[in-house]
């Protein structure tokens, strides 16, 4: 089961407060501004800054 689309609409990056999008592999949520990727574990987004990694812009899913 994937992350609920309604949940994705309301989630925001805790660092810069911008929207997040599902990564291409579906294993994380990536901020559109600061490019932090928050992991998804057991279908639950882990929206903690210290758990995030930073990736280049091209890794997002459109």
C-alpha atoms as a PDB file:
ATOM      1  CA  UNK A   1       0.000   0.000   0.000  1.00  0.00           C
ATOM      2  CA  UNK A   2       1.318   3.439  -0.952  1.00  0.00           C
ATOM      3  CA  UNK A   3       1.043   6.743   0.854  1.00  0.00           C
ATOM      4  CA  UNK A   4      -2.509   8.093   0.687  1.00  0.00           C
ATOM      5  CA  UNK A   5      -2.801  10.806  -2.020  1.00  0.00           C
ATOM      6  CA  UNK A   6      -4.850  12.994   0.365  1.00  0.00           C
ATOM      7  CA  UNK A   7      -2.014  12.807   2.894  1.00  0.00           C
ATOM      8  CA  UNK A   8       0.491  13.853   0.212  1.00  0.00           C
ATOM      9  CA  UNK A   9      -1.604  16.968  -0.460  1.00  0.00           C
ATOM     10  CA  UNK A  10      -1.244  18.226   3.114  1.00  0.00           C
ATOM     11  CA  UNK A  11       2.324  17.171   3.927  1.00  0.00           C
ATOM     12  CA  UNK A  12       5.083  19.781   3.808  1.00  0.00           C
ATOM     13  CA  UNK A  13       8.814  19.741   4.393  1.00  0.00           C
ATOM     14  CA  UNK A  14       9.455  20.416   8.098  1.00  0.00           C
ATOM     15  CA  UNK A  15      12.640  22.342   7.214  1.00  0.00           C
ATOM     16  CA  UNK A  16      11.419  24.858   4.617  1.00  0.00           C
ATOM     17  CA  UNK A  17       7.622  24.267   4.632  1.00  0.00           C
ATOM     18  CA  UNK A  18       7.426  23.564   0.864  1.00  0.00           C
ATOM     19  CA  UNK A  19       5.502  20.753  -0.856  1.00  0.00           C
ATOM     20  CA  UNK A  20       6.897  17.227  -1.001  1.00  0.00           C
ATOM     21  CA  UNK A  21       6.505  14.722  -3.839  1.00  0.00           C
ATOM     22  CA  UNK A  22       6.904  10.971  -3.997  1.00  0.00           C
ATOM     23  CA  UNK A  23      10.350   9.887  -5.216  1.00  0.00           C
ATOM     24  CA  UNK A  24      10.668   7.888  -8.432  1.00  0.00           C
ATOM     25  CA  UNK A  25      11.267   4.657  -6.500  1.00  0.00           C
ATOM     26  CA  UNK A  26       8.365   5.353  -4.114  1.00  0.00           C
ATOM     27  CA  UNK A  27      10.559   4.948  -1.020  1.00  0.00           C
ATOM     28  CA  UNK A  28      10.567   8.570   0.081  1.00  0.00           C
ATOM     29  CA  UNK A  29       9.080  12.035  -0.116  1.00  0.00           C
ATOM     30  CA  UNK A  30      11.255  14.750  -1.607  1.00  0.00           C
ATOM     31  CA  UNK A  31      10.986  18.462  -0.913  1.00  0.00           C
ATOM     32  CA  UNK A  32      10.659  20.509  -4.096  1.00  0.00           C
ATOM     33  CA  UNK A  33      12.770  23.348  -2.634  1.00  0.00           C
ATOM     34  CA  UNK A  34      15.553  22.002  -0.412  1.00  0.00           C
ATOM     35  CA  UNK A  35      15.683  18.501  -1.994  1.00  0.00           C
ATOM     36  CA  UNK A  36      15.568  16.659   1.327  1.00  0.00           C
ATOM     37  CA  UNK A  37      14.189  13.146   0.993  1.00  0.00           C
ATOM     38  CA  UNK A  38      12.168  11.850   3.914  1.00  0.00           C
ATOM     39  CA  UNK A  39      11.983   8.034   4.049  1.00  0.00           C
ATOM     40  CA  UNK A  40       8.751   6.056   3.971  1.00  0.00           C
ATOM     41  CA  UNK A  41       8.803   3.073   6.336  1.00  0.00           C
ATOM     42  CA  UNK A  42       5.875   0.633   6.475  1.00  0.00           C
ATOM     43  CA  UNK A  43       3.824   3.100   4.386  1.00  0.00           C
ATOM     44  CA  UNK A  44       4.416   5.878   6.955  1.00  0.00           C
ATOM     45  CA  UNK A  45       6.376   9.003   5.943  1.00  0.00           C
ATOM     46  CA  UNK A  46       9.104   9.787   8.488  1.00  0.00           C
ATOM     47  CA  UNK A  47       9.024  13.591   8.399  1.00  0.00           C
ATOM     48  CA  UNK A  48      11.987  14.229  10.701  1.00  0.00           C
ATOM     49  CA  UNK A  49      14.767  16.512   9.460  1.00  0.00           C
ATOM     50  CA  UNK A  50      17.446  14.330  11.045  1.00  0.00           C
ATOM     51  CA  UNK A  51      16.128  11.264   9.145  1.00  0.00           C
ATOM     52  CA  UNK A  52      16.229  13.019   5.742  1.00  0.00           C
ATOM     53  CA  UNK A  53      18.923  12.794   3.102  1.00  0.00           C
ATOM     54  CA  UNK A  54      19.616  15.438   0.458  1.00  0.00           C
ATOM     55  CA  UNK A  55      19.464  14.442  -3.209  1.00  0.00           C
ATOM     56  CA  UNK A  56      19.695  16.282  -6.511  1.00  0.00           C
ATOM     57  CA  UNK A  57      16.536  17.677  -8.102  1.00  0.00           C
ATOM     58  CA  UNK A  58      16.274  15.047 -10.881  1.00  0.00           C
ATOM     59  CA  UNK A  59      15.240  12.216  -8.497  1.00  0.00           C
ATOM     60  CA  UNK A  60      11.610  13.362  -8.126  1.00  0.00           C
ATOM     61  CA  UNK A  61       8.588  11.705  -9.705  1.00  0.00           C
ATOM     62  CA  UNK A  62       6.309  13.921 -11.803  1.00  0.00           C
END
